[in-house]
Structures are given as structure tokens and as C-alpha cells.
Amino acid sequence: MHPKYQEVIKLRKRGKSYREIAKITDVSKSLISQWCKNLKLPLFARKILERKTKATLFQLLVANECKHRKVQVENRKIKMNAAVQIYPFSKYELLLIGAALYWGEGYKRESPRRYHGICFVNSDPNMVRLFLRFLREII
């Protein structure tokens, strides 16, 4: 038997998490998990672990929301900086972009006898606007 097995079991029965036990005993979490997987914990230990889990989940949610806000602010700054650096398209550039968009997202005729008009499918509204601009100004 491993020399730290009993210590791990005692700590777990006191409501310590695997991470806390690993720090205290210097035993890997996977080994702690194996040793404790069939362990019946007393009610007070289960309550302690449940509180820790809820607290950890709350901390993760708060951290995630904070990071989400930071990323949104950063994305806005990037878009504003990029918008200043991009010049309006020349007619030739719009022709190339429109042709490439149609090539990638347009519906091509399968039968030479049936004409279906111009079809363009894309879920990005900005892409659709750009293609419509190509149609209006170039085609």
C-alpha cells in the first residue's frame, strides 16, 4: 500500500478536494481519484465539497463574463482601427471581390437549358451587402 494512501483518505473524508489533497500530499490527482472513487463520504464532507463546487462554478462564470467583456472591447478597438486603415474599393477591386464571392458562394448553372438568374447564399449580412454592391456598381 502506498505510504500516503491513509492520509489521502482522511483528507477526503474531511471534505478536501482532489486538488487540495494533491497540494498537501504531493500525490497526483489521478491516483487520488482512483483511491477515492468508491469512498463513501460523510454528509458534512459532501456538503463541504458541494459548496466548494458551487463557489468554483460561480468564480468561473464571473471570470468568463469579465473576459467576454474585455474581448468585446478589444474587438471594437480592432474594428475601429481597421476601418480607418481600409480605403474604399476601386471599381477593379470590387470587380475582383464580387467575382471571387460569386465563385465561392454563388449558384452555378447545372443545365445549359435552364437559366436561374444570379443566386448568392451566405449567412453573413455584410457579405451579402458587399455582393449586392458588386451587382449594383459593377454588373
Protein backbone atom coordinates (compact mmCIF):
# COMPACT_ATOMS: atom_id res chain seq x y z
CA MET A 1 0.00 0.00 0.00
CA HIS A 2 1.18 3.48 -0.83
CA PRO A 3 2.53 5.35 2.23
CA LYS A 4 0.23 8.33 1.67
CA TYR A 5 -2.96 6.35 0.99
CA GLN A 6 -4.34 6.72 4.54
CA GLU A 7 -3.57 10.45 4.60
CA VAL A 8 -5.40 10.93 1.29
CA ILE A 9 -8.47 9.04 2.56
CA LYS A 10 -8.56 11.08 5.80
CA LEU A 11 -8.31 14.38 3.92
CA ARG A 12 -11.06 13.36 1.51
CA LYS A 13 -13.35 12.37 4.36
CA ARG A 14 -12.79 15.86 5.82
CA GLY A 15 -14.14 17.41 2.63
CA LYS A 16 -10.93 18.27 0.83
CA SER A 17 -10.99 18.43 -2.97
CA TYR A 18 -8.65 16.35 -5.11
CA ARG A 19 -6.68 19.48 -5.94
CA GLU A 20 -6.29 20.39 -2.26
CA ILE A 21 -5.26 16.85 -1.38
CA ALA A 22 -2.71 16.79 -4.22
CA LYS A 23 -1.13 20.01 -2.92
CA ILE A 24 -0.96 18.72 0.64
CA THR A 25 0.28 15.19 -0.08
CA ASP A 26 2.15 15.61 -3.37
CA VAL A 27 0.14 12.72 -4.85
CA SER A 28 -1.27 13.03 -8.38
CA LYS A 29 -4.96 13.83 -8.79
CA SER A 30 -5.45 10.75 -10.96
CA LEU A 31 -4.11 8.48 -8.21
CA ILE A 32 -6.23 10.31 -5.60
CA SER A 33 -9.24 9.81 -7.85
CA GLN A 34 -8.54 6.07 -8.10
CA TRP A 35 -8.17 5.72 -4.35
CA CYS A 36 -11.31 7.72 -3.57
CA LYS A 37 -13.67 6.61 -6.33
CA ASN A 38 -15.59 4.10 -4.18
CA LEU A 39 -15.21 6.03 -0.93
CA LYS A 40 -18.45 6.78 0.90
CA LEU A 41 -18.18 10.32 2.20
CA PRO A 42 -19.94 11.53 5.34
CA LEU A 43 -22.76 14.03 4.81
CA PHE A 44 -20.77 17.00 6.16
CA ALA A 45 -17.90 16.24 3.73
CA ARG A 46 -20.34 16.04 0.79
CA LYS A 47 -21.82 19.40 1.84
CA ILE A 48 -18.35 20.99 2.02
CA LEU A 49 -17.46 19.69 -1.44
CA GLU A 50 -20.80 20.83 -2.83
CA ARG A 51 -20.20 24.36 -1.51
CA LYS A 52 -16.70 24.39 -3.00
CA THR A 53 -18.06 23.23 -6.36
CA LYS A 54 -20.71 25.95 -6.38
CA ALA A 55 -18.15 28.59 -5.42
CA THR A 56 -15.78 27.41 -8.15
CA LEU A 57 -18.54 27.46 -10.75
CA PHE A 58 -19.52 30.98 -9.68
CA GLN A 59 -15.90 32.13 -9.93
CA LEU A 60 -15.63 30.61 -13.41
CA LEU A 61 -18.82 32.35 -14.54
CA VAL A 62 -17.63 35.70 -13.20
CA ALA A 63 -14.20 35.29 -14.80
CA ASN A 64 -15.77 34.22 -18.09
CA GLU A 65 -18.09 37.24 -18.14
CA CYS A 66 -15.19 39.57 -17.37
CA LYS A 67 -13.07 38.05 -20.14
CA HIS A 68 -16.01 38.24 -22.55
CA ARG A 69 -16.39 41.98 -21.88
CA LYS A 70 -12.65 42.57 -22.36
CA VAL A 71 -12.68 40.70 -25.66
CA GLN A 72 -15.68 42.71 -26.87
CA VAL A 73 -13.92 45.99 -26.05
CA GLU A 74 -10.73 44.78 -27.74
CA ASN A 75 -12.67 43.67 -30.84
CA ARG A 76 -14.35 47.07 -31.08
CA LYS A 77 -10.96 48.80 -30.94
CA ILE A 78 -9.55 46.49 -33.61
CA LYS A 79 -12.54 47.09 -35.89
CA MET A 80 -12.29 50.86 -35.45
CA ASN A 81 -8.55 50.85 -36.18
CA ALA A 82 -9.04 48.59 -39.19
CA ALA A 83 -11.88 50.73 -40.55
CA VAL A 84 -9.59 53.76 -40.57
CA GLN A 85 -6.87 51.84 -42.42
CA ILE A 86 -9.10 50.41 -45.15
CA TYR A 87 -9.66 52.63 -48.14
CA PRO A 88 -12.78 52.45 -50.31
CA PHE A 89 -12.59 49.77 -53.01
CA SER A 90 -11.70 50.80 -56.50
CA LYS A 91 -14.02 49.55 -59.27
CA TYR A 92 -11.43 46.95 -60.21
CA GLU A 93 -11.07 45.70 -56.62
CA LEU A 94 -14.84 45.49 -56.27
CA LEU A 95 -14.96 43.51 -59.53
CA LEU A 96 -12.37 41.03 -58.21
CA ILE A 97 -14.06 40.72 -54.83
CA GLY A 98 -17.51 40.26 -56.36
CA ALA A 99 -16.24 37.65 -58.82
CA ALA A 100 -14.49 35.75 -56.01
CA LEU A 101 -17.61 35.89 -53.82
CA TYR A 102 -19.78 34.58 -56.62
CA TRP A 103 -17.22 31.91 -57.40
CA GLY A 104 -17.24 30.73 -53.78
CA GLU A 105 -20.86 31.39 -52.74
CA GLY A 106 -22.86 31.69 -55.94
CA TYR A 107 -25.09 29.08 -57.50
CA LYS A 108 -23.73 27.82 -60.81
CA ARG A 109 -25.98 26.55 -63.58
CA GLU A 110 -26.02 22.77 -63.90
CA SER A 111 -28.11 22.59 -67.07
CA PRO A 112 -27.36 24.85 -70.05
CA ARG A 113 -31.09 24.87 -70.95
CA ARG A 114 -32.34 26.30 -67.64
CA TYR A 115 -31.42 29.84 -66.61
CA HIS A 116 -31.99 30.59 -62.94
CA GLY A 117 -30.62 34.11 -62.66
CA ILE A 118 -27.96 35.08 -60.15
CA CYS A 119 -28.05 33.30 -56.80
CA PHE A 120 -25.79 34.09 -53.86
CA VAL A 121 -26.05 32.35 -50.50
CA ASN A 122 -24.20 33.45 -47.37
CA SER A 123 -25.34 33.92 -43.77
CA ASP A 124 -23.14 36.98 -43.13
CA PRO A 125 -25.21 40.14 -43.79
CA ASN A 126 -22.07 42.17 -44.52
CA MET A 127 -21.03 39.68 -47.17
CA VAL A 128 -24.47 39.87 -48.78
CA ARG A 129 -24.32 43.69 -48.73
CA LEU A 130 -20.92 43.61 -50.39
CA PHE A 131 -22.18 41.23 -53.09
CA LEU A 132 -25.23 43.46 -53.71
CA ARG A 133 -22.90 46.45 -54.03
CA PHE A 134 -20.89 44.48 -56.59
CA LEU A 135 -24.09 43.78 -58.54
CA ARG A 136 -25.26 47.41 -58.44
CA GLU A 137 -21.93 49.08 -59.22
CA ILE A 138 -20.18 46.56 -61.46
CA ILE A 139 -22.78 44.33 -63.05
